[in-house]
């Protein structure tokens, strides 16, 4: 039987795991504009992303790239780039957002899920669009600075901006 939670040992909780594609081409980053009816972050820019189901994070990334944008990525061309660990509010389920860089892919991004994304675009790294999902901005800043980990919303860290279903 596990030890009971204490101030030094909080209770174990399941985390939501998200995967995100950091696709850069000619100094430009691929971002999508979320649908205005999206439960989370409507009309904000975001990575191509999805939640892990009963699959590995890289398998999820490859599936989401195909489903959302028609991109084909070989697992051998994927490398870990950054993680953002988020707590939106005390008592909420934590989220771990894993960002992977694809060194190459085939296809051009096209909107395949118009109820989720209204358009894909390539944005210059020094001219990224606003508004952007807060943790995506945090991850981009981390990747560009060579950091692999950030936290949002935990004690001592800035709180993430939050939408209804965040």
N, C-alpha and C. Protein backbone atom coordinates (compact mmCIF):
# COMPACT_ATOMS: atom_id res chain seq x y z
N UNK A 1 0.85 -1.17 0.00
CA UNK A 1 0.00 0.00 0.00
C UNK A 1 0.90 1.24 0.00
N UNK A 2 0.62 2.24 -0.88
CA UNK A 2 1.47 3.43 -0.92
C UNK A 2 1.32 4.25 0.36
N UNK A 3 2.38 4.99 0.65
CA UNK A 3 2.37 5.87 1.82
C UNK A 3 1.33 6.96 1.61
N UNK A 4 0.67 7.40 2.70
CA UNK A 4 -0.33 8.47 2.55
C UNK A 4 0.34 9.79 2.20
N UNK A 5 -0.42 10.68 1.55
CA UNK A 5 0.14 11.99 1.20
C UNK A 5 0.49 12.80 2.45
N UNK A 6 1.56 13.57 2.34
CA UNK A 6 1.96 14.51 3.39
C UNK A 6 2.37 15.80 2.70
N UNK A 7 2.77 16.80 3.49
CA UNK A 7 3.23 18.06 2.89
C UNK A 7 4.46 17.84 2.03
N UNK A 8 5.29 16.85 2.40
CA UNK A 8 6.50 16.56 1.63
C UNK A 8 6.25 15.55 0.52
N UNK A 9 5.12 14.85 0.61
CA UNK A 9 4.81 13.81 -0.37
C UNK A 9 3.35 13.92 -0.78
N UNK A 10 3.08 14.70 -1.84
CA UNK A 10 1.69 14.84 -2.28
C UNK A 10 1.16 13.53 -2.85
N UNK A 11 -0.17 13.44 -2.94
CA UNK A 11 -0.77 12.22 -3.49
C UNK A 11 -0.46 12.12 -4.98
N UNK A 12 -0.36 10.91 -5.46
CA UNK A 12 -0.10 10.67 -6.88
C UNK A 12 -1.37 10.97 -7.68
N UNK A 13 -1.20 11.65 -8.81
CA UNK A 13 -2.33 11.95 -9.70
C UNK A 13 -1.89 11.69 -11.13
N UNK A 14 -2.85 11.29 -11.94
CA UNK A 14 -2.58 11.11 -13.37
C UNK A 14 -2.43 12.48 -14.02
N UNK A 15 -1.58 12.56 -15.00
CA UNK A 15 -1.36 13.79 -15.76
C UNK A 15 -1.93 13.63 -17.16
N UNK A 16 -2.43 14.73 -17.72
CA UNK A 16 -2.74 14.76 -19.15
C UNK A 16 -1.40 14.91 -19.87
N UNK A 17 -1.20 14.17 -20.93
CA UNK A 17 0.03 14.26 -21.72
C UNK A 17 -0.33 14.77 -23.11
N UNK A 18 0.26 15.89 -23.48
CA UNK A 18 0.07 16.45 -24.82
C UNK A 18 1.38 16.38 -25.58
N UNK A 19 1.27 16.23 -26.89
CA UNK A 19 2.46 16.25 -27.75
C UNK A 19 2.30 17.37 -28.76
N UNK A 20 3.40 17.98 -29.12
CA UNK A 20 3.39 19.16 -29.98
C UNK A 20 4.53 19.08 -30.99
N UNK A 21 4.26 19.57 -32.18
CA UNK A 21 5.25 19.54 -33.26
C UNK A 21 5.91 20.90 -33.40
N UNK A 22 7.22 20.92 -33.22
CA UNK A 22 8.03 22.09 -33.50
C UNK A 22 8.64 21.85 -34.88
N UNK A 23 7.98 22.41 -35.89
CA UNK A 23 8.43 22.25 -37.28
C UNK A 23 8.94 23.59 -37.76
N UNK A 24 10.23 23.66 -38.02
CA UNK A 24 10.87 24.91 -38.46
C UNK A 24 11.42 24.69 -39.86
N UNK A 25 11.19 25.69 -40.71
CA UNK A 25 11.68 25.64 -42.09
C UNK A 25 12.13 27.04 -42.49
N UNK A 26 13.38 27.16 -42.89
CA UNK A 26 13.92 28.45 -43.35
C UNK A 26 13.68 29.57 -42.34
N UNK A 27 13.89 29.27 -41.05
CA UNK A 27 13.73 30.28 -40.01
C UNK A 27 12.29 30.63 -39.70
N UNK A 28 11.37 29.80 -40.15
CA UNK A 28 9.94 30.02 -39.90
C UNK A 28 9.36 28.81 -39.18
N UNK A 29 8.40 29.07 -38.31
CA UNK A 29 7.80 28.02 -37.47
C UNK A 29 6.36 27.79 -37.89
N UNK A 30 5.96 26.52 -37.97
CA UNK A 30 4.60 26.16 -38.32
C UNK A 30 3.69 26.32 -37.11
N UNK A 31 2.65 27.15 -37.26
CA UNK A 31 1.64 27.33 -36.22
C UNK A 31 0.26 27.35 -36.86
N UNK A 32 -0.72 26.92 -36.10
CA UNK A 32 -2.10 26.93 -36.57
C UNK A 32 -2.93 27.88 -35.73
N UNK A 33 -3.97 28.43 -36.35
CA UNK A 33 -4.93 29.27 -35.63
C UNK A 33 -6.10 28.38 -35.22
N UNK A 34 -6.33 28.30 -33.91
CA UNK A 34 -7.39 27.45 -33.38
C UNK A 34 -8.76 28.00 -33.77
N UNK A 35 -9.70 27.09 -33.94
CA UNK A 35 -11.06 27.44 -34.36
C UNK A 35 -11.73 28.35 -33.32
N UNK A 36 -12.57 29.30 -33.76
CA UNK A 36 -13.22 30.20 -32.80
C UNK A 36 -14.17 29.49 -31.83
N UNK A 37 -14.65 28.30 -32.17
CA UNK A 37 -15.54 27.55 -31.28
C UNK A 37 -14.79 26.52 -30.43
N UNK A 38 -13.47 26.56 -30.47
CA UNK A 38 -12.67 25.62 -29.69
C UNK A 38 -12.91 25.82 -28.20
N UNK A 39 -13.05 24.72 -27.46
CA UNK A 39 -13.24 24.80 -26.01
C UNK A 39 -12.00 25.36 -25.32
N UNK A 40 -10.84 25.12 -25.90
CA UNK A 40 -9.59 25.62 -25.31
C UNK A 40 -8.92 26.59 -26.28
N UNK A 41 -8.62 27.76 -25.82
CA UNK A 41 -7.83 28.77 -26.53
C UNK A 41 -8.37 29.11 -27.92
N UNK A 42 -9.65 29.46 -28.02
CA UNK A 42 -10.18 29.83 -29.34
C UNK A 42 -9.44 31.03 -29.92
N UNK A 43 -9.23 30.98 -31.23
CA UNK A 43 -8.56 32.06 -31.98
C UNK A 43 -7.19 32.42 -31.44
N UNK A 44 -6.49 31.42 -30.91
CA UNK A 44 -5.10 31.59 -30.50
C UNK A 44 -4.23 30.69 -31.37
N UNK A 45 -2.99 31.11 -31.56
CA UNK A 45 -2.03 30.33 -32.35
C UNK A 45 -1.41 29.26 -31.46
N UNK A 46 -1.12 28.13 -32.09
CA UNK A 46 -0.67 26.96 -31.35
C UNK A 46 0.09 26.02 -32.27
N UNK A 47 0.86 25.14 -31.67
CA UNK A 47 1.52 24.07 -32.41
C UNK A 47 0.48 23.09 -32.97
N UNK A 48 0.87 22.32 -33.95
CA UNK A 48 0.14 21.10 -34.28
C UNK A 48 0.29 20.22 -33.05
N UNK A 49 -0.81 19.69 -32.53
CA UNK A 49 -0.73 19.02 -31.24
C UNK A 49 -1.87 18.04 -31.04
N UNK A 50 -1.72 17.21 -30.03
CA UNK A 50 -2.78 16.29 -29.64
C UNK A 50 -2.48 15.65 -28.31
N UNK A 51 -3.44 14.91 -27.79
CA UNK A 51 -3.27 14.20 -26.53
C UNK A 51 -2.91 12.75 -26.80
N UNK A 52 -2.01 12.23 -25.99
CA UNK A 52 -1.64 10.82 -26.10
C UNK A 52 -2.83 9.95 -25.72
N UNK A 53 -3.05 8.97 -26.55
CA UNK A 53 -4.06 7.95 -26.25
C UNK A 53 -3.29 6.72 -25.77
N UNK A 54 -3.67 5.55 -26.13
CA UNK A 54 -2.93 4.36 -25.72
C UNK A 54 -1.79 4.15 -26.73
N UNK A 55 -0.77 5.03 -26.68
CA UNK A 55 0.32 5.05 -27.66
C UNK A 55 1.49 5.82 -27.08
N UNK A 56 2.64 5.65 -27.68
CA UNK A 56 3.81 6.42 -27.26
C UNK A 56 3.67 7.87 -27.71
N UNK A 57 4.45 8.74 -27.12
CA UNK A 57 4.39 10.15 -27.48
C UNK A 57 4.79 10.38 -28.94
N UNK A 58 5.82 9.72 -29.41
CA UNK A 58 6.24 9.90 -30.81
C UNK A 58 5.20 9.33 -31.76
N UNK A 59 4.62 8.20 -31.44
CA UNK A 59 3.55 7.64 -32.27
C UNK A 59 2.38 8.60 -32.33
N UNK A 60 2.04 9.20 -31.21
CA UNK A 60 0.96 10.20 -31.16
C UNK A 60 1.29 11.39 -32.05
N UNK A 61 2.50 11.90 -31.96
CA UNK A 61 2.92 13.04 -32.78
C UNK A 61 2.77 12.73 -34.27
N UNK A 62 3.22 11.58 -34.68
CA UNK A 62 3.15 11.18 -36.09
C UNK A 62 1.69 11.05 -36.53
N UNK A 63 0.86 10.46 -35.68
CA UNK A 63 -0.57 10.32 -36.00
C UNK A 63 -1.23 11.68 -36.12
N UNK A 64 -0.98 12.56 -35.16
CA UNK A 64 -1.60 13.89 -35.18
C UNK A 64 -1.14 14.71 -36.38
N UNK A 65 0.14 14.61 -36.75
CA UNK A 65 0.64 15.36 -37.91
C UNK A 65 -0.09 14.92 -39.18
N UNK A 66 -0.33 13.64 -39.30
CA UNK A 66 -1.06 13.12 -40.47
C UNK A 66 -2.52 13.55 -40.42
N UNK A 67 -3.18 13.37 -39.25
CA UNK A 67 -4.61 13.67 -39.12
C UNK A 67 -4.91 15.16 -39.25
N UNK A 68 -4.10 16.00 -38.62
CA UNK A 68 -4.40 17.43 -38.57
C UNK A 68 -3.92 18.21 -39.78
N UNK A 69 -2.79 17.79 -40.36
CA UNK A 69 -2.19 18.63 -41.40
C UNK A 69 -1.71 17.87 -42.63
N UNK A 70 -1.85 16.54 -42.65
CA UNK A 70 -1.43 15.77 -43.82
C UNK A 70 0.08 15.64 -43.95
N UNK A 71 0.80 15.81 -42.86
CA UNK A 71 2.26 15.67 -42.89
C UNK A 71 2.65 14.25 -42.53
N UNK A 72 3.65 13.75 -43.20
CA UNK A 72 4.19 12.42 -42.90
C UNK A 72 5.57 12.60 -42.28
N UNK A 73 5.74 12.00 -41.10
CA UNK A 73 7.00 12.13 -40.37
C UNK A 73 7.51 10.73 -40.03
N UNK A 74 8.78 10.49 -40.30
CA UNK A 74 9.43 9.23 -39.94
C UNK A 74 9.86 9.35 -38.47
N UNK A 75 9.58 8.35 -37.63
CA UNK A 75 10.00 8.43 -36.22
C UNK A 75 11.50 8.70 -36.06
N UNK A 76 12.32 8.26 -37.00
CA UNK A 76 13.77 8.48 -36.92
C UNK A 76 14.12 9.95 -37.07
N UNK A 77 13.18 10.76 -37.58
CA UNK A 77 13.44 12.18 -37.79
C UNK A 77 12.88 13.06 -36.67
N UNK A 78 12.48 12.43 -35.56
CA UNK A 78 11.88 13.16 -34.43
C UNK A 78 12.87 13.18 -33.27
N UNK A 79 13.00 14.37 -32.66
CA UNK A 79 13.83 14.49 -31.46
C UNK A 79 13.10 15.33 -30.42
N UNK A 80 13.31 14.99 -29.15
CA UNK A 80 12.71 15.74 -28.06
C UNK A 80 13.30 17.15 -28.04
N UNK A 81 12.45 18.17 -27.85
CA UNK A 81 12.93 19.55 -27.83
C UNK A 81 12.66 20.27 -26.51
N UNK A 82 11.48 20.05 -25.91
CA UNK A 82 11.14 20.80 -24.70
C UNK A 82 9.93 20.16 -24.01
N UNK A 83 9.84 20.34 -22.70
CA UNK A 83 8.66 19.93 -21.93
C UNK A 83 8.20 21.11 -21.09
N UNK A 84 6.89 21.30 -21.03
CA UNK A 84 6.30 22.31 -20.16
C UNK A 84 5.36 21.58 -19.21
N UNK A 85 5.62 21.69 -17.91
CA UNK A 85 4.79 21.06 -16.88
C UNK A 85 3.87 22.13 -16.32
N UNK A 86 2.56 21.91 -16.43
CA UNK A 86 1.59 22.96 -16.14
C UNK A 86 0.62 22.53 -15.04
N UNK A 87 0.34 23.47 -14.14
CA UNK A 87 -0.75 23.33 -13.20
C UNK A 87 -1.61 24.57 -13.36
N UNK A 88 -2.82 24.41 -13.92
CA UNK A 88 -3.66 25.56 -14.19
C UNK A 88 -4.20 26.20 -12.92
N UNK A 89 -4.48 25.39 -11.90
CA UNK A 89 -4.98 25.89 -10.62
C UNK A 89 -4.82 24.78 -9.60
N UNK A 90 -4.69 25.12 -8.31
CA UNK A 90 -4.60 24.07 -7.30
C UNK A 90 -5.80 23.11 -7.41
N UNK A 91 -5.50 21.84 -7.31
CA UNK A 91 -6.54 20.83 -7.38
C UNK A 91 -6.91 20.37 -8.77
N UNK A 92 -6.39 21.04 -9.81
CA UNK A 92 -6.67 20.59 -11.18
C UNK A 92 -5.66 19.53 -11.58
N UNK A 93 -6.01 18.79 -12.60
CA UNK A 93 -5.13 17.73 -13.09
C UNK A 93 -3.94 18.37 -13.82
N UNK A 94 -2.72 18.06 -13.41
CA UNK A 94 -1.54 18.62 -14.08
C UNK A 94 -1.46 18.15 -15.53
N UNK A 95 -0.75 18.94 -16.32
CA UNK A 95 -0.54 18.62 -17.73
C UNK A 95 0.95 18.66 -18.03
N UNK A 96 1.38 17.69 -18.80
CA UNK A 96 2.76 17.66 -19.26
C UNK A 96 2.71 17.77 -20.78
N UNK A 97 3.26 18.86 -21.29
CA UNK A 97 3.25 19.14 -22.72
C UNK A 97 4.65 18.83 -23.26
N UNK A 98 4.73 17.84 -24.13
CA UNK A 98 6.00 17.42 -24.72
C UNK A 98 6.10 17.99 -26.12
N UNK A 99 7.18 18.68 -26.39
CA UNK A 99 7.40 19.30 -27.69
C UNK A 99 8.53 18.55 -28.39
N UNK A 100 8.24 18.10 -29.60
CA UNK A 100 9.21 17.37 -30.40
C UNK A 100 9.51 18.15 -31.68
N UNK A 101 10.78 18.16 -32.04
CA UNK A 101 11.20 18.77 -33.30
C UNK A 101 11.27 17.67 -34.36
N UNK A 102 10.73 17.97 -35.52
CA UNK A 102 10.90 17.07 -36.66
C UNK A 102 11.99 17.65 -37.53
N UNK A 103 13.02 16.87 -37.79
CA UNK A 103 14.11 17.34 -38.64
C UNK A 103 13.68 17.44 -40.09
N UNK A 104 12.74 16.57 -40.50
CA UNK A 104 12.19 16.64 -41.85
C UNK A 104 10.85 15.93 -41.86
N UNK A 105 10.09 16.16 -42.90
CA UNK A 105 8.77 15.59 -43.09
C UNK A 105 8.44 15.68 -44.56
N UNK A 106 7.38 15.01 -44.97
CA UNK A 106 6.91 15.16 -46.34
C UNK A 106 5.51 15.73 -46.30
N UNK A 107 5.18 16.49 -47.35
CA UNK A 107 3.87 17.10 -47.45
C UNK A 107 3.90 18.57 -47.05
N UNK A 108 2.86 19.26 -47.45
CA UNK A 108 2.66 20.66 -47.06
C UNK A 108 1.45 20.69 -46.14
N UNK A 109 1.51 21.47 -45.06
CA UNK A 109 0.39 21.48 -44.12
C UNK A 109 -0.90 21.99 -44.77
N UNK A 110 -1.94 21.21 -44.61
CA UNK A 110 -3.27 21.59 -45.06
C UNK A 110 -4.24 21.35 -43.91
N UNK A 111 -5.28 22.12 -43.85
CA UNK A 111 -6.27 21.97 -42.79
C UNK A 111 -7.07 20.70 -43.05
N UNK A 112 -6.93 19.72 -42.16
CA UNK A 112 -7.63 18.45 -42.28
C UNK A 112 -8.73 18.32 -41.23
N UNK A 113 -8.69 19.17 -40.21
CA UNK A 113 -9.70 19.17 -39.16
C UNK A 113 -10.21 20.61 -38.99
N UNK A 114 -11.05 21.08 -39.90
CA UNK A 114 -11.47 22.47 -39.89
C UNK A 114 -12.29 22.87 -38.66
N UNK A 115 -12.78 21.91 -37.91
CA UNK A 115 -13.49 22.22 -36.67
C UNK A 115 -12.52 22.52 -35.52
N UNK A 116 -11.23 22.28 -35.74
CA UNK A 116 -10.22 22.52 -34.71
C UNK A 116 -9.24 23.63 -35.10
N UNK A 117 -8.91 23.71 -36.38
CA UNK A 117 -7.89 24.65 -36.86
C UNK A 117 -8.40 25.32 -38.13
N UNK A 118 -8.32 26.66 -38.17
CA UNK A 118 -8.81 27.37 -39.36
C UNK A 118 -7.72 27.63 -40.38
N UNK A 119 -6.45 27.44 -40.02
CA UNK A 119 -5.39 27.62 -40.99
C UNK A 119 -4.01 27.39 -40.39
N UNK A 120 -3.11 26.91 -41.25
CA UNK A 120 -1.70 26.72 -40.88
C UNK A 120 -0.89 27.80 -41.54
N UNK A 121 0.16 28.26 -40.87
CA UNK A 121 1.03 29.25 -41.47
C UNK A 121 2.45 29.10 -40.95
N UNK A 122 3.39 29.58 -41.75
CA UNK A 122 4.82 29.59 -41.38
C UNK A 122 5.15 30.99 -40.92
N UNK A 123 5.58 31.11 -39.67
CA UNK A 123 5.82 32.41 -39.05
C UNK A 123 7.30 32.59 -38.74
N UNK A 124 7.86 33.79 -39.04
CA UNK A 124 9.26 34.03 -38.71
C UNK A 124 9.45 33.98 -37.19
N UNK A 125 10.54 33.38 -36.76
CA UNK A 125 10.79 33.22 -35.32
C UNK A 125 10.84 34.55 -34.59
N UNK A 126 11.21 35.60 -35.27
CA UNK A 126 11.25 36.92 -34.63
C UNK A 126 9.98 37.72 -34.90
N UNK A 127 8.95 37.09 -35.44
CA UNK A 127 7.69 37.76 -35.73
C UNK A 127 6.52 36.82 -35.55
N UNK A 128 6.49 36.12 -34.43
CA UNK A 128 5.43 35.14 -34.19
C UNK A 128 4.10 35.85 -33.94
N UNK A 129 3.00 35.21 -34.32
CA UNK A 129 1.69 35.84 -34.21
C UNK A 129 1.17 35.88 -32.77
N UNK A 130 0.25 36.75 -32.55
CA UNK A 130 -0.47 36.84 -31.28
C UNK A 130 -1.96 36.86 -31.59
N UNK A 131 -2.77 36.41 -30.66
CA UNK A 131 -2.39 35.80 -29.39
C UNK A 131 -1.95 34.35 -29.59
N UNK A 132 -1.09 33.90 -28.70
CA UNK A 132 -0.57 32.54 -28.76
C UNK A 132 -0.85 31.85 -27.43
N UNK A 133 -1.14 30.55 -27.48
CA UNK A 133 -1.31 29.76 -26.27
C UNK A 133 -0.06 29.94 -25.41
N UNK A 134 -0.26 30.26 -24.12
CA UNK A 134 0.86 30.63 -23.24
C UNK A 134 1.94 29.57 -23.17
N UNK A 135 1.57 28.31 -23.03
CA UNK A 135 2.62 27.30 -22.89
C UNK A 135 3.34 27.05 -24.21
N UNK A 136 2.68 27.33 -25.35
CA UNK A 136 3.37 27.21 -26.63
C UNK A 136 4.46 28.28 -26.71
N UNK A 137 4.13 29.50 -26.30
CA UNK A 137 5.13 30.58 -26.27
C UNK A 137 6.28 30.21 -25.33
N UNK A 138 5.95 29.67 -24.17
CA UNK A 138 6.98 29.25 -23.21
C UNK A 138 7.89 28.20 -23.84
N UNK A 139 7.31 27.23 -24.53
CA UNK A 139 8.10 26.17 -25.15
C UNK A 139 8.99 26.73 -26.27
N UNK A 140 8.45 27.60 -27.10
CA UNK A 140 9.24 28.20 -28.18
C UNK A 140 10.41 28.97 -27.60
N UNK A 141 10.15 29.77 -26.58
CA UNK A 141 11.24 30.53 -25.94
C UNK A 141 12.29 29.58 -25.37
N UNK A 142 11.83 28.46 -24.77
CA UNK A 142 12.76 27.48 -24.21
C UNK A 142 13.60 26.82 -25.28
N UNK A 143 12.97 26.40 -26.37
CA UNK A 143 13.72 25.77 -27.47
C UNK A 143 14.76 26.73 -28.00
N UNK A 144 14.36 27.97 -28.23
CA UNK A 144 15.29 28.96 -28.80
C UNK A 144 16.45 29.26 -27.85
N UNK A 145 16.21 29.15 -26.54
CA UNK A 145 17.26 29.40 -25.55
C UNK A 145 18.08 28.15 -25.23
N UNK A 146 17.72 27.01 -25.80
CA UNK A 146 18.46 25.78 -25.54
C UNK A 146 18.05 25.10 -24.25
N UNK A 147 16.92 25.49 -23.66
CA UNK A 147 16.41 24.83 -22.44
C UNK A 147 15.46 23.71 -22.86
N UNK A 148 15.40 22.67 -22.05
CA UNK A 148 14.52 21.55 -22.38
C UNK A 148 13.32 21.43 -21.44
N UNK A 149 13.22 22.31 -20.42
CA UNK A 149 12.14 22.15 -19.45
C UNK A 149 11.71 23.50 -18.90
N UNK A 150 10.38 23.66 -18.76
CA UNK A 150 9.79 24.86 -18.14
C UNK A 150 8.61 24.43 -17.30
N UNK A 151 8.23 25.30 -16.34
CA UNK A 151 7.06 25.08 -15.51
C UNK A 151 6.17 26.31 -15.55
N UNK A 152 4.86 26.09 -15.53
CA UNK A 152 3.88 27.16 -15.45
C UNK A 152 2.83 26.78 -14.41
N UNK A 153 2.50 27.73 -13.52
CA UNK A 153 1.42 27.55 -12.57
C UNK A 153 1.76 26.84 -11.28
N UNK A 154 2.93 26.27 -11.19
CA UNK A 154 3.35 25.63 -9.95
C UNK A 154 3.83 26.71 -8.99
N UNK A 155 3.85 26.44 -7.69
CA UNK A 155 4.34 27.46 -6.74
C UNK A 155 5.70 28.01 -7.18
N UNK A 156 5.77 29.32 -7.21
CA UNK A 156 7.02 29.99 -7.61
C UNK A 156 7.18 30.20 -9.09
N UNK A 157 6.18 29.79 -9.90
CA UNK A 157 6.25 29.93 -11.35
C UNK A 157 5.04 30.70 -11.84
N UNK A 158 5.16 31.41 -12.96
CA UNK A 158 4.02 32.18 -13.44
C UNK A 158 2.83 31.27 -13.77
N UNK A 159 1.64 31.81 -13.53
CA UNK A 159 0.43 31.06 -13.86
C UNK A 159 0.19 31.14 -15.36
N UNK A 160 -0.23 30.02 -15.96
CA UNK A 160 -0.55 30.05 -17.40
C UNK A 160 -1.87 30.76 -17.64
N UNK A 161 -1.98 31.39 -18.80
CA UNK A 161 -3.28 31.91 -19.20
C UNK A 161 -4.18 30.71 -19.41
N UNK A 162 -5.44 30.85 -19.09
CA UNK A 162 -6.33 29.68 -19.13
C UNK A 162 -7.62 30.01 -19.86
N UNK A 163 -8.01 29.08 -20.72
CA UNK A 163 -9.33 29.14 -21.35
C UNK A 163 -10.21 28.11 -20.68
N UNK A 164 -11.44 28.04 -21.09
CA UNK A 164 -12.46 27.21 -20.42
C UNK A 164 -12.04 25.77 -20.18
N UNK A 165 -11.49 25.09 -21.17
CA UNK A 165 -11.19 23.66 -21.01
C UNK A 165 -9.72 23.38 -20.82
N UNK A 166 -8.89 24.42 -20.72
CA UNK A 166 -7.45 24.35 -20.68
C UNK A 166 -6.85 23.21 -20.02
